[in-house]
N, C-alpha and C. Protein backbone atom coordinates (compact mmCIF):
# COMPACT_ATOMS: atom_id res chain seq x y z
N MET A 1 -53.92 51.52 -156.83
CA MET A 1 -55.23 51.12 -157.08
C MET A 1 -56.54 51.86 -155.70
N ILE A 2 -57.13 53.19 -156.85
CA ILE A 2 -58.02 53.76 -155.75
C ILE A 2 -59.59 52.83 -156.24
N ILE A 3 -60.09 52.48 -155.46
CA ILE A 3 -61.35 51.91 -155.18
C ILE A 3 -62.74 52.72 -154.80
N VAL A 4 -63.60 53.32 -155.51
CA VAL A 4 -64.48 54.33 -155.15
C VAL A 4 -65.98 53.54 -155.33
N GLY A 5 -66.47 53.26 -154.46
CA GLY A 5 -67.62 52.75 -154.29
C GLY A 5 -69.29 53.51 -154.11
N ILE A 6 -69.68 53.62 -154.74
CA ILE A 6 -71.19 54.36 -154.17
C ILE A 6 -72.70 53.61 -154.40
N ARG A 7 -73.12 53.50 -153.33
CA ARG A 7 -74.43 52.64 -153.39
C ARG A 7 -75.45 52.71 -154.30
N ASP A 8 -75.86 51.59 -154.95
CA ASP A 8 -76.98 51.39 -155.94
C ASP A 8 -78.00 52.22 -156.03
N ASN A 9 -78.69 52.34 -154.43
CA ASN A 9 -79.84 53.20 -154.31
C ASN A 9 -79.65 54.31 -154.86
N ILE A 10 -78.11 55.15 -155.01
CA ILE A 10 -78.01 56.05 -155.20
C ILE A 10 -77.99 56.62 -156.77
N ASN A 11 -78.99 57.30 -157.38
CA ASN A 11 -78.51 57.34 -158.65
C ASN A 11 -77.44 58.04 -159.25
N VAL A 12 -75.81 58.03 -158.56
CA VAL A 12 -74.89 58.81 -159.07
C VAL A 12 -74.17 57.70 -159.38
N VAL A 13 -73.30 58.42 -160.91
CA VAL A 13 -72.13 57.89 -161.80
C VAL A 13 -70.82 58.51 -161.00
N TYR A 14 -69.94 58.05 -160.73
CA TYR A 14 -68.80 58.53 -160.03
C TYR A 14 -67.80 58.39 -161.53
N ARG A 15 -66.99 59.41 -162.08
CA ARG A 15 -66.27 59.38 -162.93
C ARG A 15 -64.54 59.05 -162.50
N VAL A 16 -63.52 58.84 -163.19
CA VAL A 16 -62.38 59.01 -163.04
C VAL A 16 -61.72 60.45 -163.36
N PRO A 17 -61.36 61.34 -162.63
CA PRO A 17 -60.95 62.45 -163.34
C PRO A 17 -59.77 62.26 -163.80
N SER A 18 -60.02 63.91 -164.87
CA SER A 18 -58.88 63.62 -165.63
C SER A 18 -57.44 64.28 -165.44
N THR A 19 -56.62 63.71 -166.18
CA THR A 19 -55.03 64.39 -165.87
C THR A 19 -55.49 65.10 -166.57
N ALA A 20 -56.00 66.49 -167.47
CA ALA A 20 -55.87 67.25 -168.21
C ALA A 20 -55.58 68.53 -167.24
N PRO A 21 -56.18 68.76 -166.28
CA PRO A 21 -56.14 69.77 -165.48
C PRO A 21 -54.80 70.18 -164.83
N TYR A 22 -54.07 69.17 -164.95
CA TYR A 22 -52.99 68.87 -163.97
C TYR A 22 -51.87 69.11 -164.98
N ALA A 23 -52.08 68.79 -166.22
CA ALA A 23 -50.84 68.61 -167.21
C ALA A 23 -49.59 69.37 -167.07
N GLU A 24 -50.01 70.66 -167.07
CA GLU A 24 -48.70 71.85 -166.93
C GLU A 24 -47.91 71.85 -165.60
N ILE A 25 -48.31 70.84 -164.44
CA ILE A 25 -47.89 70.82 -163.32
C ILE A 25 -46.18 69.92 -163.48
N ASP A 26 -45.20 70.62 -162.94
CA ASP A 26 -44.14 69.45 -162.74
C ASP A 26 -43.88 68.89 -161.72
N ASN A 27 -44.34 67.63 -161.87
CA ASN A 27 -44.48 66.89 -160.33
C ASN A 27 -43.84 65.86 -160.75
N THR A 28 -42.21 65.83 -161.14
CA THR A 28 -40.83 65.31 -161.09
C THR A 28 -40.33 65.32 -159.39
N CYS A 29 -39.48 64.18 -159.30
CA CYS A 29 -39.20 64.06 -158.02
C CYS A 29 -37.98 65.37 -157.63
N ARG A 30 -37.26 65.78 -158.69
CA ARG A 30 -36.59 67.07 -158.48
C ARG A 30 -37.30 67.75 -158.09
N THR A 31 -38.28 68.49 -158.72
CA THR A 31 -39.34 69.64 -158.13
C THR A 31 -39.77 69.27 -157.06
N ALA A 32 -40.55 68.24 -156.78
CA ALA A 32 -40.99 67.84 -155.37
C ALA A 32 -39.75 67.96 -154.09
N ILE A 33 -38.51 67.51 -154.61
CA ILE A 33 -37.51 67.52 -153.62
C ILE A 33 -37.15 69.19 -153.57
N GLU A 34 -36.99 69.74 -154.52
CA GLU A 34 -35.82 70.92 -154.58
C GLU A 34 -36.43 72.23 -154.61
N VAL A 35 -38.07 72.29 -154.98
CA VAL A 35 -38.75 73.63 -155.34
C VAL A 35 -39.83 73.81 -154.30
N PRO A 36 -39.69 74.99 -153.10
CA PRO A 36 -38.40 75.37 -153.19
C PRO A 36 -37.33 74.71 -151.93
N PRO A 37 -36.57 75.18 -151.86
CA PRO A 37 -35.33 74.21 -151.23
C PRO A 37 -35.67 73.80 -149.72
N ILE A 38 -35.69 72.85 -149.58
CA ILE A 38 -35.94 72.36 -147.90
C ILE A 38 -35.18 73.12 -146.71
N PRO A 39 -35.82 74.35 -145.63
CA PRO A 39 -35.21 74.67 -144.95
C PRO A 39 -34.58 73.94 -143.98
N VAL A 40 -33.08 74.31 -143.91
CA VAL A 40 -32.51 74.01 -142.84
C VAL A 40 -33.12 72.73 -141.85
N ASP A 41 -33.57 73.85 -141.13
CA ASP A 41 -33.95 73.65 -139.68
C ASP A 41 -35.69 72.64 -140.17
N ALA A 42 -36.00 72.17 -141.19
CA ALA A 42 -37.06 72.11 -141.32
C ALA A 42 -37.55 70.67 -140.41
N LEU A 43 -38.71 70.20 -140.11
CA LEU A 43 -39.25 69.47 -139.38
C LEU A 43 -39.08 67.92 -139.75
N ASN A 44 -38.56 66.74 -139.32
CA ASN A 44 -38.63 65.60 -140.09
C ASN A 44 -37.55 65.37 -141.26
N ASN A 45 -36.57 66.28 -140.95
CA ASN A 45 -35.25 66.29 -142.07
C ASN A 45 -33.69 65.54 -141.87
N GLU A 46 -33.95 64.48 -141.02
CA GLU A 46 -32.69 64.39 -140.25
C GLU A 46 -31.82 63.19 -141.53
N LEU A 47 -30.80 63.35 -141.60
CA LEU A 47 -29.90 61.95 -142.55
C LEU A 47 -29.89 60.87 -142.16
N THR A 48 -29.89 59.76 -142.91
CA THR A 48 -29.59 58.54 -142.24
C THR A 48 -28.32 58.08 -142.39
N ARG A 49 -27.50 57.81 -141.20
CA ARG A 49 -26.49 57.27 -141.94
C ARG A 49 -26.32 55.96 -142.56
N GLN A 50 -25.59 56.25 -143.49
CA GLN A 50 -25.46 55.03 -144.98
C GLN A 50 -23.91 54.28 -143.97
N SER A 51 -24.16 52.59 -144.38
CA SER A 51 -22.83 51.89 -144.03
C SER A 51 -22.20 52.43 -145.32
N ALA A 52 -20.90 52.13 -144.89
CA ALA A 52 -19.49 52.09 -146.26
C ALA A 52 -20.10 51.47 -147.55
N THR A 53 -20.55 50.04 -146.72
CA THR A 53 -20.80 49.29 -148.47
C THR A 53 -22.44 49.54 -149.49
N VAL A 54 -23.03 50.37 -148.54
CA VAL A 54 -24.34 50.80 -148.74
C VAL A 54 -23.97 51.98 -149.57
N VAL A 55 -23.03 53.02 -149.48
CA VAL A 55 -22.54 53.94 -150.29
C VAL A 55 -21.97 53.32 -151.70
N LYS A 56 -21.08 52.27 -151.46
CA LYS A 56 -20.54 52.05 -152.85
C LYS A 56 -21.85 50.99 -153.54
N ARG A 57 -22.38 50.36 -152.98
CA ARG A 57 -23.50 49.78 -153.73
C ARG A 57 -24.41 51.19 -154.78
N LEU A 58 -24.97 51.97 -153.81
CA LEU A 58 -25.07 53.17 -154.13
C LEU A 58 -24.40 53.97 -155.42
N GLN A 59 -23.11 53.91 -155.55
CA GLN A 59 -22.27 54.50 -156.35
C GLN A 59 -22.63 54.14 -157.63
N HIS A 60 -22.85 52.88 -157.67
CA HIS A 60 -22.98 51.84 -158.73
C HIS A 60 -24.48 52.12 -159.42
N ILE A 61 -25.34 52.07 -158.87
CA ILE A 61 -26.66 52.21 -158.90
C ILE A 61 -27.51 53.76 -159.68
N LEU A 62 -27.74 53.67 -160.73
CA LEU A 62 -28.18 54.94 -161.50
C LEU A 62 -29.49 55.08 -161.62
N PRO A 63 -29.91 56.73 -161.69
CA PRO A 63 -30.91 57.03 -161.53
C PRO A 63 -32.45 56.36 -162.08
N GLY A 64 -33.17 55.73 -161.15
CA GLY A 64 -34.18 54.90 -161.84
C GLY A 64 -34.03 53.40 -162.08
N GLN A 65 -32.63 53.40 -161.29
CA GLN A 65 -32.44 51.51 -161.40
C GLN A 65 -32.53 50.89 -159.99
N ASN A 66 -32.56 49.90 -159.77
CA ASN A 66 -32.26 49.29 -158.13
C ASN A 66 -31.11 48.16 -158.32
N ALA A 67 -31.31 47.61 -157.13
CA ALA A 67 -29.97 46.98 -156.83
C ALA A 67 -29.90 45.51 -158.07
N PHE A 68 -31.04 45.36 -158.60
CA PHE A 68 -31.38 43.99 -159.60
C PHE A 68 -30.90 44.56 -160.83
N THR A 69 -30.91 46.08 -161.41
CA THR A 69 -31.34 45.98 -162.63
C THR A 69 -29.81 47.12 -162.94
N ALA A 70 -29.16 47.33 -161.89
CA ALA A 70 -27.61 48.03 -162.32
C ALA A 70 -26.80 47.27 -162.01
N ASP A 71 -25.82 47.53 -162.95
CA ASP A 71 -24.19 46.91 -163.19
C ASP A 71 -23.51 46.23 -161.88
N LEU A 72 -23.89 45.54 -160.95
CA LEU A 72 -23.00 45.62 -159.22
C LEU A 72 -21.86 44.81 -159.51
N PRO A 73 -20.77 45.24 -158.88
CA PRO A 73 -20.06 44.11 -159.07
C PRO A 73 -20.35 43.22 -157.90
N GLU A 74 -19.62 42.11 -158.16
CA GLU A 74 -20.21 40.81 -157.37
C GLU A 74 -19.95 40.94 -156.00
N ALA A 75 -19.08 41.56 -155.22
CA ALA A 75 -19.18 42.08 -154.01
C ALA A 75 -20.17 42.44 -153.71
N LEU A 76 -20.76 43.36 -154.08
CA LEU A 76 -21.90 44.38 -153.75
C LEU A 76 -23.17 43.80 -154.12
N GLN A 77 -23.40 42.74 -155.16
CA GLN A 77 -24.84 42.45 -155.23
C GLN A 77 -25.38 41.66 -154.46
N LEU A 78 -26.73 41.49 -153.78
CA LEU A 78 -27.43 41.00 -152.86
C LEU A 78 -27.85 39.96 -153.55
N ASN A 79 -27.80 38.85 -152.16
CA ASN A 79 -28.01 37.49 -152.29
C ASN A 79 -29.33 37.22 -152.08
N ILE A 80 -30.47 37.90 -152.66
CA ILE A 80 -31.58 37.58 -152.75
C ILE A 80 -31.95 37.27 -153.76
N THR A 81 -33.15 36.29 -153.95
CA THR A 81 -34.31 35.43 -154.50
C THR A 81 -35.34 36.03 -155.06
N GLY A 82 -36.00 36.11 -156.01
CA GLY A 82 -37.47 36.33 -156.46
C GLY A 82 -37.54 37.84 -156.42
N ALA A 83 -36.67 38.87 -156.44
CA ALA A 83 -37.17 40.18 -155.80
C ALA A 83 -36.49 41.05 -157.13
N LYS A 84 -36.64 40.59 -158.11
CA LYS A 84 -36.12 41.21 -159.56
C LYS A 84 -36.89 42.92 -159.90
N ILE A 85 -38.22 42.95 -159.25
CA ILE A 85 -38.76 44.03 -159.94
C ILE A 85 -39.01 44.59 -158.48
N SER A 86 -38.08 44.50 -157.88
CA SER A 86 -38.32 45.21 -155.97
C SER A 86 -37.31 46.87 -156.23
N GLN A 87 -38.06 47.32 -155.17
CA GLN A 87 -37.31 48.67 -154.80
C GLN A 87 -36.16 48.87 -154.05
N ILE A 88 -35.67 47.76 -154.17
CA ILE A 88 -34.77 47.42 -152.81
C ILE A 88 -33.27 48.05 -153.58
N TYR A 89 -33.16 49.31 -152.60
CA TYR A 89 -31.93 50.17 -153.26
C TYR A 89 -32.43 50.61 -154.35
N LYS A 90 -33.71 51.06 -154.99
CA LYS A 90 -34.14 51.60 -156.19
C LYS A 90 -33.83 53.43 -155.55
N ARG A 91 -32.93 53.73 -156.75
CA ARG A 91 -32.83 55.30 -156.41
C ARG A 91 -33.56 56.02 -157.55
N LEU A 92 -34.04 57.21 -156.97
CA LEU A 92 -35.19 58.13 -157.76
C LEU A 92 -34.74 58.83 -159.01
N ASP A 93 -35.17 58.97 -160.21
CA ASP A 93 -34.84 59.55 -161.43
C ASP A 93 -35.68 60.90 -161.36
N PRO A 94 -34.61 61.51 -161.20
CA PRO A 94 -34.83 63.01 -160.88
C PRO A 94 -36.05 63.76 -161.89
N THR A 95 -35.90 63.27 -163.09
CA THR A 95 -36.92 63.71 -164.51
C THR A 95 -38.72 62.82 -164.16
N LYS A 96 -38.48 61.67 -163.62
CA LYS A 96 -39.70 61.22 -163.47
C LYS A 96 -40.60 61.56 -162.20
N PRO A 97 -41.96 61.16 -162.07
CA PRO A 97 -42.51 61.73 -160.82
C PRO A 97 -42.41 60.11 -159.78
N ALA A 98 -42.24 60.25 -158.73
CA ALA A 98 -42.34 59.72 -157.65
C ALA A 98 -43.10 58.19 -157.78
N TYR A 99 -42.12 56.81 -157.88
CA TYR A 99 -43.35 55.67 -157.61
C TYR A 99 -43.82 55.73 -156.38
N THR A 100 -44.82 54.91 -156.04
CA THR A 100 -45.25 55.10 -154.60
C THR A 100 -44.34 54.74 -153.63
N VAL A 101 -44.38 55.74 -152.69
CA VAL A 101 -43.74 55.49 -151.19
C VAL A 101 -44.28 54.45 -150.52
N THR A 102 -43.45 53.94 -150.49
CA THR A 102 -44.18 52.03 -149.60
C THR A 102 -44.01 52.27 -147.97
N GLY A 103 -44.59 51.58 -147.06
CA GLY A 103 -44.27 51.38 -145.86
C GLY A 103 -44.41 50.37 -145.59
N SER A 104 -44.19 49.49 -146.18
CA SER A 104 -44.17 47.78 -145.27
C SER A 104 -43.01 47.23 -144.98
N GLY A 105 -43.04 46.28 -144.38
CA GLY A 105 -41.17 45.88 -143.76
C GLY A 105 -41.22 46.71 -142.62
N GLY A 106 -40.16 46.64 -142.01
CA GLY A 106 -39.81 47.16 -140.70
C GLY A 106 -39.74 48.79 -141.23
N GLY A 107 -40.61 49.06 -141.54
CA GLY A 107 -40.61 51.05 -141.36
C GLY A 107 -40.30 51.28 -142.97
N GLY A 108 -40.34 50.57 -143.88
CA GLY A 108 -40.85 50.80 -145.27
C GLY A 108 -39.47 50.61 -145.75
N THR A 109 -39.20 50.46 -147.22
CA THR A 109 -38.14 50.70 -147.65
C THR A 109 -37.97 51.92 -147.84
N HIS A 110 -36.18 52.14 -147.69
CA HIS A 110 -35.56 53.12 -147.97
C HIS A 110 -35.96 53.54 -149.47
N ILE A 111 -35.63 54.95 -149.93
CA ILE A 111 -36.02 55.63 -151.04
C ILE A 111 -34.87 56.63 -151.41
N TYR A 112 -33.75 56.25 -152.15
CA TYR A 112 -32.34 56.35 -152.50
C TYR A 112 -32.50 58.21 -153.25
N HIS A 113 -31.26 58.48 -152.72
CA HIS A 113 -31.54 60.22 -153.54
C HIS A 113 -31.02 59.54 -155.37
N TRP A 114 -31.09 60.45 -156.01
CA TRP A 114 -30.69 60.03 -157.61
C TRP A 114 -29.03 60.80 -157.67
N GLU A 115 -28.83 61.48 -157.11
CA GLU A 115 -27.23 62.17 -157.20
C GLU A 115 -26.85 62.02 -155.96
N GLU A 116 -27.06 61.77 -154.82
CA GLU A 116 -25.97 61.46 -153.33
C GLU A 116 -26.21 60.56 -152.86
N PRO A 117 -25.30 59.51 -152.66
CA PRO A 117 -25.32 58.12 -152.19
C PRO A 117 -26.19 57.80 -150.65
N ARG A 118 -27.16 58.08 -150.64
CA ARG A 118 -27.97 57.96 -149.49
C ARG A 118 -29.43 57.96 -149.78
N ALA A 119 -30.04 57.67 -148.43
CA ALA A 119 -31.92 57.78 -148.48
C ALA A 119 -32.07 58.99 -148.23
N LEU A 120 -33.45 59.16 -148.57
CA LEU A 120 -34.04 60.67 -148.35
C LEU A 120 -34.41 60.44 -147.36
N THR A 121 -34.43 61.52 -146.92
CA THR A 121 -34.89 62.37 -145.23
C THR A 121 -36.51 61.69 -145.42
N ASN A 122 -36.83 62.08 -144.32
CA ASN A 122 -38.42 61.57 -144.12
C ASN A 122 -39.01 62.86 -144.61
N ARG A 123 -38.33 64.11 -144.61
CA ARG A 123 -38.75 65.19 -145.20
C ARG A 123 -39.08 65.18 -146.77
N GLU A 124 -37.81 64.84 -147.11
CA GLU A 124 -37.76 64.82 -148.66
C GLU A 124 -39.37 63.97 -148.98
N ARG A 125 -39.30 62.86 -148.21
CA ARG A 125 -40.19 61.66 -148.70
C ARG A 125 -41.27 62.30 -148.29
N ALA A 126 -41.99 62.99 -147.39
CA ALA A 126 -43.27 63.76 -147.22
C ALA A 126 -43.18 64.59 -148.40
N ARG A 127 -42.43 65.13 -148.75
CA ARG A 127 -42.33 65.67 -149.99
C ARG A 127 -43.03 65.32 -151.02
N LEU A 128 -42.65 63.77 -151.34
CA LEU A 128 -42.86 63.20 -152.67
C LEU A 128 -44.15 62.81 -151.82
N GLN A 129 -44.93 62.62 -151.27
CA GLN A 129 -46.46 62.51 -151.07
C GLN A 129 -47.22 63.53 -150.65
N THR A 130 -46.46 64.66 -150.97
CA THR A 130 -46.71 66.13 -151.52
C THR A 130 -47.80 66.67 -149.98
N PHE A 131 -46.42 66.13 -149.06
CA PHE A 131 -47.21 66.99 -147.62
C PHE A 131 -46.60 68.02 -147.16
N PRO A 132 -47.18 69.50 -146.64
CA PRO A 132 -46.45 70.45 -146.95
C PRO A 132 -45.35 70.59 -145.34
N ASP A 133 -44.55 71.58 -145.82
CA ASP A 133 -43.15 71.38 -145.04
C ASP A 133 -44.12 71.37 -143.58
N THR A 134 -44.51 72.81 -143.23
CA THR A 134 -45.51 72.37 -141.78
C THR A 134 -45.69 70.96 -141.66
N TYR A 135 -46.42 70.08 -142.10
CA TYR A 135 -46.94 69.17 -141.47
C TYR A 135 -45.85 68.20 -140.44
N ARG A 136 -46.35 68.22 -139.38
CA ARG A 136 -45.34 67.53 -138.18
C ARG A 136 -45.73 66.19 -138.20
N PHE A 137 -44.79 65.11 -138.47
CA PHE A 137 -44.75 63.89 -138.08
C PHE A 137 -44.09 63.48 -136.68
N VAL A 138 -44.80 62.90 -135.70
CA VAL A 138 -44.52 62.42 -134.24
C VAL A 138 -44.14 61.20 -134.52
N GLY A 139 -43.37 61.13 -133.71
CA GLY A 139 -42.36 59.67 -133.18
C GLY A 139 -40.88 59.34 -134.07
N SER A 140 -40.24 58.58 -133.09
CA SER A 140 -39.38 58.21 -133.93
C SER A 140 -39.19 58.53 -135.24
N LYS A 141 -37.66 58.23 -135.96
CA LYS A 141 -37.45 58.41 -137.04
C LYS A 141 -37.99 56.98 -137.86
N GLU A 142 -38.31 56.05 -137.49
CA GLU A 142 -38.73 54.86 -138.00
C GLU A 142 -40.16 55.15 -137.89
N SER A 143 -40.55 55.74 -136.86
CA SER A 143 -42.20 55.43 -137.06
C SER A 143 -42.41 56.72 -137.80
N VAL A 144 -41.96 57.76 -137.97
CA VAL A 144 -42.23 58.36 -139.41
C VAL A 144 -42.35 57.94 -141.00
N ARG A 145 -41.29 57.26 -140.69
CA ARG A 145 -40.79 56.78 -142.19
C ARG A 145 -41.69 55.44 -142.36
N LYS A 146 -42.32 55.28 -141.61
CA LYS A 146 -43.60 54.16 -141.61
C LYS A 146 -44.97 54.93 -141.80
N GLN A 147 -45.20 56.22 -141.31
CA GLN A 147 -46.16 56.75 -141.08
C GLN A 147 -46.52 57.27 -142.38
N ILE A 148 -45.14 58.24 -143.23
CA ILE A 148 -44.99 58.57 -144.64
C ILE A 148 -45.26 57.61 -145.46
N GLY A 149 -44.82 56.06 -145.41
CA GLY A 149 -44.99 55.47 -146.44
C GLY A 149 -46.34 54.61 -146.17
N MET A 150 -47.06 54.66 -145.44
CA MET A 150 -48.48 54.16 -145.13
C MET A 150 -49.50 55.24 -145.49
N ALA A 151 -49.30 56.71 -145.82
CA ALA A 151 -49.85 57.92 -146.03
C ALA A 151 -50.30 57.77 -148.10
N VAL A 152 -51.82 58.45 -147.88
CA VAL A 152 -51.80 58.56 -149.25
C VAL A 152 -51.17 59.96 -149.42
N PRO A 153 -51.08 59.83 -151.11
CA PRO A 153 -50.34 61.33 -151.07
C PRO A 153 -51.66 62.20 -150.70
N CYS A 154 -51.00 63.74 -149.93
CA CYS A 154 -52.61 64.51 -149.95
C CYS A 154 -52.86 65.17 -151.39
N ARG A 155 -51.97 65.49 -152.36
CA ARG A 155 -52.98 66.16 -153.41
C ARG A 155 -53.43 65.11 -154.45
N GLY A 156 -53.31 64.42 -154.24
CA GLY A 156 -54.05 62.73 -154.83
C GLY A 156 -55.24 62.39 -154.29
N ALA A 157 -55.12 62.50 -153.05
CA ALA A 157 -56.36 62.41 -152.42
C ALA A 157 -57.43 63.52 -152.46
N LYS A 158 -57.07 64.76 -152.56
CA LYS A 158 -57.77 66.34 -152.69
C LYS A 158 -58.60 65.93 -153.86
N ILE A 159 -57.87 65.37 -155.26
CA ILE A 159 -58.29 65.48 -156.47
C ILE A 159 -59.77 64.15 -156.23
N VAL A 160 -58.90 63.19 -155.82
CA VAL A 160 -60.21 61.97 -155.65
C VAL A 160 -61.46 62.26 -154.80
N PHE A 161 -61.20 63.12 -153.34
CA PHE A 161 -62.75 63.40 -152.85
C PHE A 161 -63.14 64.74 -153.33
N GLU A 162 -62.29 65.72 -154.30
CA GLU A 162 -63.31 66.49 -154.77
C GLU A 162 -64.18 65.49 -155.79
N SER A 163 -63.46 65.24 -156.55
CA SER A 163 -64.42 64.25 -157.94
C SER A 163 -65.78 63.33 -157.23
N ILE A 164 -65.77 63.08 -155.94
CA ILE A 164 -66.73 62.32 -155.35
C ILE A 164 -67.68 63.57 -155.06
N LEU A 165 -67.41 64.14 -154.23
CA LEU A 165 -68.26 65.28 -153.71
C LEU A 165 -69.12 65.87 -155.03
N LYS A 166 -68.21 66.30 -156.04
CA LYS A 166 -68.55 66.93 -157.23
C LYS A 166 -69.87 65.76 -157.98
N SER A 167 -69.43 64.56 -157.86
CA SER A 167 -70.47 63.24 -158.69
C SER A 167 -71.77 63.43 -157.84
N LEU A 168 -71.52 63.51 -156.34
CA LEU A 168 -72.70 63.43 -155.43
C LEU A 168 -73.44 64.57 -155.70
N ALA A 169 -72.96 66.01 -156.37
CA ALA A 169 -73.85 67.24 -156.17
C ALA A 169 -74.08 67.58 -157.54
N ARG A 170 -74.09 66.60 -158.56
CA ARG A 170 -73.50 66.58 -159.84
C ARG A 170 -73.46 67.64 -160.47
N ILE A 171 -71.96 68.14 -160.00
CA ILE A 171 -71.55 69.06 -160.63
C ILE A 171 -70.24 68.36 -161.78
N PRO A 172 -70.62 68.63 -163.21
CA PRO A 172 -69.38 68.50 -163.78
C PRO A 172 -68.07 68.72 -163.80
N TYR A 173 -67.38 67.84 -164.07
CA TYR A 173 -65.73 67.77 -164.16
C TYR A 173 -65.32 67.11 -164.96
N GLU A 174 -64.00 67.65 -165.52
CA GLU A 174 -63.21 66.51 -166.72
C GLU A 174 -62.85 65.11 -166.01
N SER A 175 -63.15 64.23 -167.08
CA SER A 175 -63.02 62.88 -166.38
C SER A 175 -62.52 61.87 -168.01
N ILE A 176 -61.76 60.73 -167.43
CA ILE A 176 -61.64 60.02 -168.75
C ILE A 176 -62.46 59.01 -168.09
N GLU A 177 -62.43 57.75 -169.29
CA GLU A 177 -63.10 56.56 -169.07
C GLU A 177 -62.13 55.69 -167.74
N SER A 178 -62.74 54.81 -166.90
CA SER A 178 -62.29 53.84 -166.33
C SER A 178 -61.55 52.58 -167.16
N ASN A 179 -60.29 51.94 -166.23
CA ASN A 179 -59.92 51.15 -167.13
C ASN A 179 -60.00 49.80 -166.08
N ILE A 180 -61.13 50.21 -165.23
CA ILE A 180 -61.74 49.08 -164.76
C ILE A 180 -63.17 48.81 -163.99
N ASN A 181 -64.60 48.12 -165.09
CA ASN A 181 -65.61 48.62 -164.38
C ASN A 181 -66.30 47.11 -163.72
N GLU A 182 -66.14 47.21 -162.31
CA GLU A 182 -66.57 46.37 -161.86
C GLU A 182 -67.90 46.88 -160.92
């Protein structure tokens, strides 16, 4: 959820930007991660070592599923209650846009590749958040994972800020009705 507030004493109305100008953009996970291919020497692109148990678990989880929606053998099931809509062991669906990359907990929930039984690299995560490959995150691998998890997607922020500036300058732009009016 993005909240935009404009002071009452400024006679400006903010409207939610329309998705229509972006209708032809392929923002699937596959495209974000694979087009163009990530260079072998790209920054922040180190693989995470997965334990044998994690690999076995991931081999049973289909794209778009998590540890609670997959048909896991009893030995690989998690002993956790109350997290059925969780992102725990969530594998990306390559045909859909990425869900929000989060940075909660001890460095953020891992996001898992749709085909390979592994967590995404930080560069792959950064691509889902629309950071250019030239953007350098600084710190340990876990620190970088937190930075990416807490970041706002660059392209999304650009759209929101451009619409705010256009609103203030009274420049029309394509918009849609807000589903929240407070």
